[in-house]
Amino acid sequence: MTASPMPADKFWQIIERAAKSDHDPDAQMKTLRTALHELSIEEIISFEVAFRRYLNEAYTWDLWGAADLIHGGCSDDGFEYFRRWLVSRGRDVYEAALADPDSLAQRDLQPGPDGVWEFEEIYYVAREVFEEKGGEGDVRDYSEPEAGMAGPGPSGERFGDDDQHLARRYPKLWQRFSRARAGVLEVRLEDRSSERRKVLPFHRVETNPVIAEVGGPIDEVNVTLALYSEELEPEEISRALGVEPTHAHRRGDHRRGESPGSGIPPYSSGAWLLKEHGRDAEPAEAVIDRLLKQLPEDPAVWRDLSTRHDIQFRFGLHMTGWNKGLSIPLNQVTRIAELRASMEFDIYAYGEDG
């Protein structure tokens, strides 16, 4: 059940105390960790609830389009990390960007750890401190679900990917970042398939940057076990599999943040999802293995579930450059087949033309 969020003034005081060290992402996380260690378990929970709520409130097409323009492309995970970075900049930057994403063009903002306006790691600090102070379970379980996880799409009007649309919608951001998007920088082409490539905002490009890769593995692999059906009961699935989901809902449940009178229809079917995120340049085999190890091997379990639910083993593949690939060992393919799951692939490619 969702707990109460920390009052806004107190939450932003903690964020902005850490943001004084935003020139050094490691120092910023260390300062945030120190501040959270001063709180009680209940206060850490309320901090986490507030953090997730601010992230979800920023789940808008307006901001996603801005992130797409700034970075020359933006995946669903990339947008989550962009919003984490946005919260980490402080209240003034966050609220101004929500009101007008184009306002970001006029600010001199520090990037996250990888030189881009993303900060994946800042959100994990509360979970780590919660565990260090003896909290039971995962502090994120007290929050509302992550926006976009089998729920409604972003709010507002979807952005168009063509240059004319982006230039009209974000004139200041377009003026600042469009040259990087258009690819007019002088660059060298280099094969760095063993490293994950990061897209650099134009105003922070250093001399002789690498902006393309050829060959090598997929940059990021995420895998999800998903079960869907109209009669699905999440607790029943959790008992059968012996693991709690990343996200779950029943048919008829209202979408996160929506009330019965909002006009947004409830879910038309139930869903149970267990997701594993790949880490930097982590081989697909390792991510798949981490998910499979959480699942029972008893064929009877999967035979029973497959008679009542649609079972999918989903891959989210994110890559830059071209001629990338992945290999799934035969034993893992066999194991997935034993789950009676179809294999679904969502492929995202960024930063290169063609």
Protein backbone atom coordinates (compact mmCIF):
# COMPACT_ATOMS: atom_id res chain seq x y z
CA MET A 1 0.00 0.00 0.00
CA THR A 2 1.29 3.46 -0.89
CA ALA A 3 2.55 5.45 2.11
CA SER A 4 2.26 9.21 2.52
CA PRO A 5 4.87 11.37 0.74
CA MET A 6 7.28 13.62 2.55
CA PRO A 7 6.11 17.27 2.65
CA ALA A 8 7.37 19.14 -0.39
CA ASP A 9 9.50 21.70 1.49
CA LYS A 10 11.36 19.02 3.45
CA PHE A 11 11.88 16.81 0.37
CA TRP A 12 13.30 19.63 -1.72
CA GLN A 13 15.54 20.82 1.13
CA ILE A 14 17.17 17.37 1.16
CA ILE A 15 17.49 17.27 -2.65
CA GLU A 16 18.95 20.76 -2.81
CA ARG A 17 21.38 20.07 0.02
CA ALA A 18 22.79 17.27 -2.13
CA ALA A 19 22.57 19.35 -5.33
CA LYS A 20 25.17 21.77 -3.96
CA SER A 21 27.64 19.05 -4.98
CA ASP A 22 26.13 18.50 -8.44
CA HIS A 23 29.48 19.24 -10.11
CA ASP A 24 30.52 15.81 -8.84
CA PRO A 25 27.80 13.11 -9.10
CA ASP A 26 29.57 10.84 -6.62
CA ALA A 27 29.76 13.65 -4.08
CA GLN A 28 26.10 14.48 -4.70
CA MET A 29 25.05 10.90 -3.95
CA LYS A 30 27.32 10.83 -0.87
CA THR A 31 25.69 14.02 0.44
CA LEU A 32 22.22 12.62 -0.19
CA ARG A 33 23.20 9.39 1.59
CA THR A 34 24.39 11.39 4.62
CA ALA A 35 21.15 13.38 4.72
CA LEU A 36 19.00 10.25 4.52
CA HIS A 37 20.97 8.52 7.27
CA GLU A 38 19.83 11.35 9.55
CA LEU A 39 16.19 10.34 8.99
CA SER A 40 14.07 7.66 10.60
CA ILE A 41 12.92 4.58 8.66
CA GLU A 42 9.46 6.15 8.31
CA GLU A 43 10.94 9.39 6.95
CA ILE A 44 13.04 7.50 4.40
CA ILE A 45 9.86 5.78 3.22
CA SER A 46 8.12 9.14 2.86
CA PHE A 47 11.14 10.52 0.97
CA GLU A 48 11.01 7.59 -1.46
CA VAL A 49 7.25 8.00 -1.95
CA ALA A 50 7.70 11.70 -2.72
CA PHE A 51 10.60 11.01 -5.12
CA ARG A 52 8.57 8.48 -7.14
CA ARG A 53 5.55 10.80 -7.19
CA TYR A 54 7.63 13.65 -8.61
CA LEU A 55 9.08 11.27 -11.20
CA ASN A 56 5.60 10.14 -12.22
CA GLU A 57 4.25 13.69 -12.39
CA ALA A 58 7.03 14.46 -14.88
CA TYR A 59 5.92 11.56 -17.12
CA THR A 60 4.68 13.88 -19.89
CA TRP A 61 5.09 13.98 -23.64
CA ASP A 62 6.32 17.57 -23.32
CA LEU A 63 9.30 16.53 -21.23
CA TRP A 64 9.94 13.36 -23.22
CA GLY A 65 10.15 15.41 -26.42
CA ALA A 66 12.60 17.78 -24.75
CA ALA A 67 14.78 14.86 -23.62
CA ASP A 68 14.61 13.37 -27.11
CA LEU A 69 15.83 16.64 -28.63
CA ILE A 70 18.56 17.17 -26.02
CA HIS A 71 20.01 13.67 -26.37
CA GLY A 72 19.27 13.02 -30.03
CA GLY A 73 16.86 10.22 -29.01
CA CYS A 74 15.39 8.98 -25.75
CA SER A 75 14.19 5.46 -24.81
CA ASP A 76 11.65 4.71 -22.08
CA ASP A 77 14.46 3.86 -19.65
CA GLY A 78 16.39 6.93 -20.80
CA PHE A 79 13.37 9.10 -20.04
CA GLU A 80 13.11 7.59 -16.54
CA TYR A 81 16.79 8.45 -15.94
CA PHE A 82 16.30 11.94 -17.41
CA ARG A 83 13.47 12.58 -14.92
CA ARG A 84 15.66 11.35 -12.06
CA TRP A 85 18.31 13.84 -13.18
CA LEU A 86 15.64 16.56 -13.37
CA VAL A 87 14.49 15.97 -9.79
CA SER A 88 18.12 15.94 -8.63
CA ARG A 89 18.59 19.49 -9.96
CA GLY A 90 16.20 20.91 -7.35
CA ARG A 91 12.72 22.37 -7.06
CA ASP A 92 13.17 25.49 -9.16
CA VAL A 93 14.56 23.61 -12.17
CA TYR A 94 12.01 20.80 -11.82
CA GLU A 95 8.92 22.99 -11.53
CA ALA A 96 10.03 25.34 -14.31
CA ALA A 97 10.67 22.38 -16.63
CA LEU A 98 7.24 20.91 -15.88
CA ALA A 99 5.62 24.21 -16.75
CA ASP A 100 7.81 24.80 -19.81
CA PRO A 101 10.45 22.22 -20.84
CA ASP A 102 11.97 24.79 -23.18
CA SER A 103 13.17 26.66 -20.06
CA LEU A 104 15.94 24.07 -19.70
CA ALA A 105 17.75 25.67 -22.63
CA GLN A 106 18.42 28.81 -20.62
CA ARG A 107 20.05 27.07 -17.67
CA ASP A 108 23.65 26.06 -17.08
CA LEU A 109 23.04 22.60 -15.65
CA GLN A 110 25.51 19.94 -14.65
CA PRO A 111 25.14 16.53 -16.33
CA GLY A 112 24.92 13.19 -14.57
CA PRO A 113 27.73 10.64 -14.17
CA ASP A 114 27.95 9.79 -17.88
CA GLY A 115 28.11 13.36 -19.17
CA VAL A 116 24.43 13.48 -20.18
CA TRP A 117 21.30 14.82 -18.53
CA GLU A 118 20.50 11.47 -16.91
CA PHE A 119 21.11 10.29 -13.36
CA GLU A 120 19.99 6.67 -12.92
CA GLU A 121 21.91 6.04 -9.70
CA ILE A 122 20.51 8.94 -7.61
CA TYR A 123 17.20 7.11 -7.16
CA TYR A 124 18.84 4.05 -5.62
CA VAL A 125 20.35 5.91 -2.66
CA ALA A 126 17.14 5.84 -0.59
CA ARG A 127 16.77 2.08 -1.11
CA GLU A 128 20.37 1.47 -0.02
CA VAL A 129 20.08 3.66 3.10
CA PHE A 130 16.75 2.03 3.97
CA GLU A 131 18.46 -1.38 3.94
CA GLU A 132 21.49 -0.11 5.85
CA LYS A 133 19.24 1.23 8.63
CA GLY A 134 17.44 -2.09 8.97
CA GLY A 135 14.31 -1.45 6.91
CA GLU A 136 12.44 -4.58 5.89
CA GLY A 137 11.88 -5.34 2.21
CA ASP A 138 12.31 -2.82 -0.59
CA VAL A 139 11.48 0.80 0.23
CA ARG A 140 10.07 1.19 -3.29
CA ASP A 141 7.23 -1.15 -2.36
CA TYR A 142 5.69 1.72 -0.37
CA SER A 143 5.48 3.94 -3.47
CA GLU A 144 3.01 4.13 -6.31
CA PRO A 145 4.16 2.08 -9.35
CA GLU A 146 6.65 3.49 -11.84
CA ALA A 147 4.90 5.46 -14.58
CA GLY A 148 4.83 3.58 -17.85
CA MET A 149 5.04 0.10 -16.31
CA ALA A 150 2.03 -1.53 -18.04
CA GLY A 151 0.00 1.58 -17.24
CA PRO A 152 -1.17 4.59 -19.23
CA GLY A 153 1.18 6.49 -21.47
CA PRO A 154 2.57 9.96 -20.79
CA SER A 155 0.14 12.82 -20.31
CA GLY A 156 -0.28 15.59 -22.85
CA GLU A 157 0.22 15.76 -26.59
CA ARG A 158 2.66 13.32 -28.17
CA PHE A 159 5.67 14.99 -29.79
CA GLY A 160 6.62 14.47 -33.42
CA ASP A 161 10.09 13.29 -34.34
CA ASP A 162 10.52 15.53 -37.38
CA ASP A 163 12.80 18.54 -37.11
CA GLN A 164 10.16 21.13 -38.01
CA HIS A 165 7.85 19.97 -35.22
CA LEU A 166 10.62 19.97 -32.61
CA ALA A 167 11.88 23.40 -33.70
CA ARG A 168 8.37 24.85 -33.29
CA ARG A 169 7.64 23.10 -30.01
CA TYR A 170 11.01 23.75 -28.34
CA PRO A 171 12.52 26.83 -30.06
CA LYS A 172 15.13 27.54 -27.36
CA LEU A 173 16.19 23.91 -26.96
CA TRP A 174 16.30 23.58 -30.73
CA GLN A 175 18.63 26.55 -31.01
CA ARG A 176 20.93 25.08 -28.37
CA PHE A 177 20.94 21.38 -29.31
CA SER A 178 19.86 21.01 -32.92
CA ARG A 179 23.39 20.97 -34.35
CA ALA A 180 24.19 17.84 -32.36
CA ARG A 181 20.91 16.29 -33.56
CA ALA A 182 21.70 17.17 -37.16
CA GLY A 183 25.18 15.66 -36.85
CA VAL A 184 27.20 18.62 -38.17
CA LEU A 185 30.02 18.16 -35.65
CA GLU A 186 33.40 17.02 -36.92
CA VAL A 187 33.84 13.55 -35.48
CA ARG A 188 35.88 10.41 -35.95
CA LEU A 189 34.28 7.00 -36.46
CA GLU A 190 35.66 4.46 -34.03
CA ASP A 191 34.80 0.86 -33.17
CA ARG A 192 34.32 0.71 -29.40
CA SER A 193 32.03 -2.27 -29.22
CA SER A 194 33.31 -3.30 -25.79
CA GLU A 195 32.02 -0.10 -24.15
CA ARG A 196 28.58 1.42 -23.85
CA ARG A 197 28.36 4.58 -25.90
CA LYS A 198 26.89 7.70 -24.31
CA VAL A 199 25.33 10.54 -26.34
CA LEU A 200 26.85 13.87 -25.31
CA PRO A 201 24.77 17.08 -25.31
CA PHE A 202 26.20 19.49 -27.85
CA HIS A 203 27.21 22.15 -25.36
CA ARG A 204 29.39 19.64 -23.49
CA VAL A 205 31.08 17.93 -26.41
CA GLU A 206 34.83 17.67 -25.92
CA THR A 207 37.51 17.57 -28.60
CA ASN A 208 37.35 14.59 -30.93
CA PRO A 209 34.29 12.82 -29.41
CA VAL A 210 33.26 9.34 -30.45
CA ILE A 211 29.61 9.45 -31.55
CA ALA A 212 29.30 6.18 -33.43
CA GLU A 213 30.10 2.55 -32.96
CA VAL A 214 30.26 -0.39 -35.34
CA GLY A 215 29.73 -3.97 -34.23
CA GLY A 216 29.73 -5.56 -30.83
CA PRO A 217 26.98 -6.54 -28.41
CA ILE A 218 23.69 -4.78 -27.72
CA ASP A 219 24.37 -1.83 -25.39
CA GLU A 220 21.56 -2.55 -22.93
CA VAL A 221 19.30 -5.58 -22.53
CA ASN A 222 16.22 -5.61 -20.29
CA VAL A 223 14.10 -8.74 -19.88
CA THR A 224 10.59 -9.15 -18.50
CA LEU A 225 8.42 -12.14 -17.70
CA ALA A 226 4.83 -11.04 -18.36
CA LEU A 227 1.54 -12.83 -17.77
CA TYR A 228 -1.76 -11.40 -19.06
CA SER A 229 -5.40 -12.46 -18.85
CA GLU A 230 -8.78 -11.04 -17.95
CA GLU A 231 -9.15 -13.20 -14.84
CA LEU A 232 -5.56 -12.81 -13.59
CA GLU A 233 -5.14 -12.50 -9.81
CA PRO A 234 -1.66 -11.13 -8.99
CA GLU A 235 -1.46 -12.82 -5.57
CA GLU A 236 -2.20 -16.20 -7.15
CA ILE A 237 0.64 -15.76 -9.65
CA SER A 238 3.04 -14.66 -6.91
CA ARG A 239 2.20 -17.72 -4.83
CA ALA A 240 2.63 -20.06 -7.79
CA LEU A 241 6.00 -18.57 -8.79
CA GLY A 242 7.30 -17.80 -5.31
CA VAL A 243 8.36 -14.28 -6.24
CA GLU A 244 6.82 -10.80 -6.05
CA PRO A 245 6.26 -8.87 -9.31
CA THR A 246 7.81 -5.61 -10.41
CA HIS A 247 4.28 -4.50 -11.28
CA ALA A 248 0.86 -6.12 -11.27
CA HIS A 249 -2.80 -5.18 -11.59
CA ARG A 250 -6.22 -6.78 -11.98
CA ARG A 251 -8.82 -6.23 -14.66
CA GLY A 252 -10.89 -3.24 -13.61
CA ASP A 253 -8.17 -1.65 -11.49
CA HIS A 254 -7.83 2.06 -12.06
CA ARG A 255 -4.60 3.23 -13.58
CA ARG A 256 -2.09 4.82 -11.27
CA GLY A 257 -3.04 8.29 -10.20
CA GLU A 258 -6.48 8.06 -11.80
CA SER A 259 -9.74 8.23 -9.84
CA PRO A 260 -13.02 6.55 -10.92
CA GLY A 261 -14.36 9.88 -12.16
CA SER A 262 -11.30 10.88 -14.17
CA GLY A 263 -12.65 9.57 -17.48
CA ILE A 264 -9.61 7.30 -17.97
CA PRO A 265 -10.83 3.71 -18.46
CA PRO A 266 -9.59 1.05 -16.02
CA TYR A 267 -7.40 -1.83 -17.12
CA SER A 268 -9.23 -4.17 -19.49
CA SER A 269 -7.15 -7.19 -18.42
CA GLY A 270 -4.90 -8.26 -15.59
CA ALA A 271 -1.10 -8.27 -15.76
CA TRP A 272 1.82 -9.61 -13.70
CA LEU A 273 5.33 -8.43 -14.65
CA LEU A 274 8.80 -9.31 -13.35
CA LYS A 275 11.56 -7.21 -14.92
CA GLU A 276 15.36 -7.33 -14.81
CA HIS A 277 17.37 -4.33 -16.02
CA GLY A 278 20.70 -4.93 -17.68
CA ARG A 279 23.68 -3.04 -16.34
CA ASP A 280 26.27 -1.21 -18.45
CA ALA A 281 27.35 -3.48 -21.34
CA GLU A 282 26.10 -6.54 -19.43
CA PRO A 283 25.77 -9.57 -21.71
CA ALA A 284 22.21 -10.62 -22.50
CA GLU A 285 22.96 -14.08 -21.15
CA ALA A 286 23.66 -12.68 -17.67
CA VAL A 287 20.44 -10.63 -17.54
CA ILE A 288 18.35 -13.58 -18.75
CA ASP A 289 20.00 -15.87 -16.22
CA ARG A 290 19.25 -13.46 -13.37
CA LEU A 291 15.56 -13.50 -14.23
CA LEU A 292 15.31 -17.24 -14.85
CA LYS A 293 16.93 -18.04 -11.50
CA GLN A 294 13.96 -16.41 -9.75
CA LEU A 295 11.46 -18.76 -11.42
CA PRO A 296 10.40 -22.30 -10.50
CA GLU A 297 11.44 -25.17 -12.76
CA ASP A 298 8.42 -27.40 -12.12
CA PRO A 299 6.77 -27.97 -15.56
CA ALA A 300 3.40 -28.45 -13.88
CA VAL A 301 3.43 -24.86 -12.64
CA TRP A 302 3.93 -23.47 -16.12
CA ARG A 303 1.53 -25.93 -17.72
CA ASP A 304 -1.21 -24.78 -15.34
CA LEU A 305 -0.47 -21.08 -15.80
CA SER A 306 -0.32 -21.36 -19.59
CA THR A 307 -3.86 -22.78 -19.74
CA ARG A 308 -5.22 -19.60 -18.17
CA HIS A 309 -2.81 -16.82 -19.05
CA ASP A 310 -0.79 -15.48 -21.98
CA ILE A 311 2.86 -15.87 -20.94
CA GLN A 312 5.50 -13.70 -22.62
CA PHE A 313 9.26 -13.44 -22.22
CA ARG A 314 9.96 -9.90 -23.39
CA PHE A 315 13.29 -8.37 -24.44
CA GLY A 316 13.97 -4.63 -24.51
CA LEU A 317 17.07 -4.09 -26.64
CA HIS A 318 18.72 -0.64 -26.66
CA MET A 319 21.66 0.15 -28.91
CA THR A 320 23.59 2.86 -30.66
CA GLY A 321 25.38 2.48 -33.98
CA TRP A 322 24.70 -0.52 -36.15
CA ASN A 323 25.59 -4.17 -36.73
CA LYS A 324 25.00 -5.00 -33.06
CA GLY A 325 23.80 -8.41 -31.93
CA LEU A 326 23.15 -10.75 -29.06
CA SER A 327 23.36 -14.47 -28.52
CA ILE A 328 20.95 -16.53 -26.42
CA PRO A 329 22.43 -19.92 -25.45
CA LEU A 330 20.48 -23.03 -26.31
CA ASN A 331 19.95 -23.92 -22.65
CA GLN A 332 18.26 -20.56 -22.03
CA VAL A 333 16.09 -20.87 -25.14
CA THR A 334 15.05 -24.31 -23.91
CA ARG A 335 14.32 -22.95 -20.44
CA ILE A 336 12.16 -20.16 -21.85
CA ALA A 337 10.29 -22.71 -23.96
CA GLU A 338 9.63 -24.71 -20.79
CA LEU A 339 7.88 -21.62 -19.40
CA ARG A 340 5.46 -21.97 -22.35
CA ALA A 341 6.23 -18.34 -23.11
CA SER A 342 6.39 -16.56 -26.42
CA MET A 343 9.51 -14.46 -27.01
CA GLU A 344 8.80 -10.79 -27.79
CA PHE A 345 11.46 -8.27 -28.87
CA ASP A 346 11.27 -4.48 -28.60
CA ILE A 347 14.28 -2.95 -30.37
CA TYR A 348 15.40 0.67 -29.88
CA ALA A 349 18.25 2.24 -31.87
CA TYR A 350 19.56 5.74 -31.20
CA GLY A 351 21.90 8.32 -32.48
CA GLU A 352 22.70 7.15 -35.99
CA ASP A 353 20.92 7.67 -39.31
CA GLY A 354 20.10 4.50 -41.22
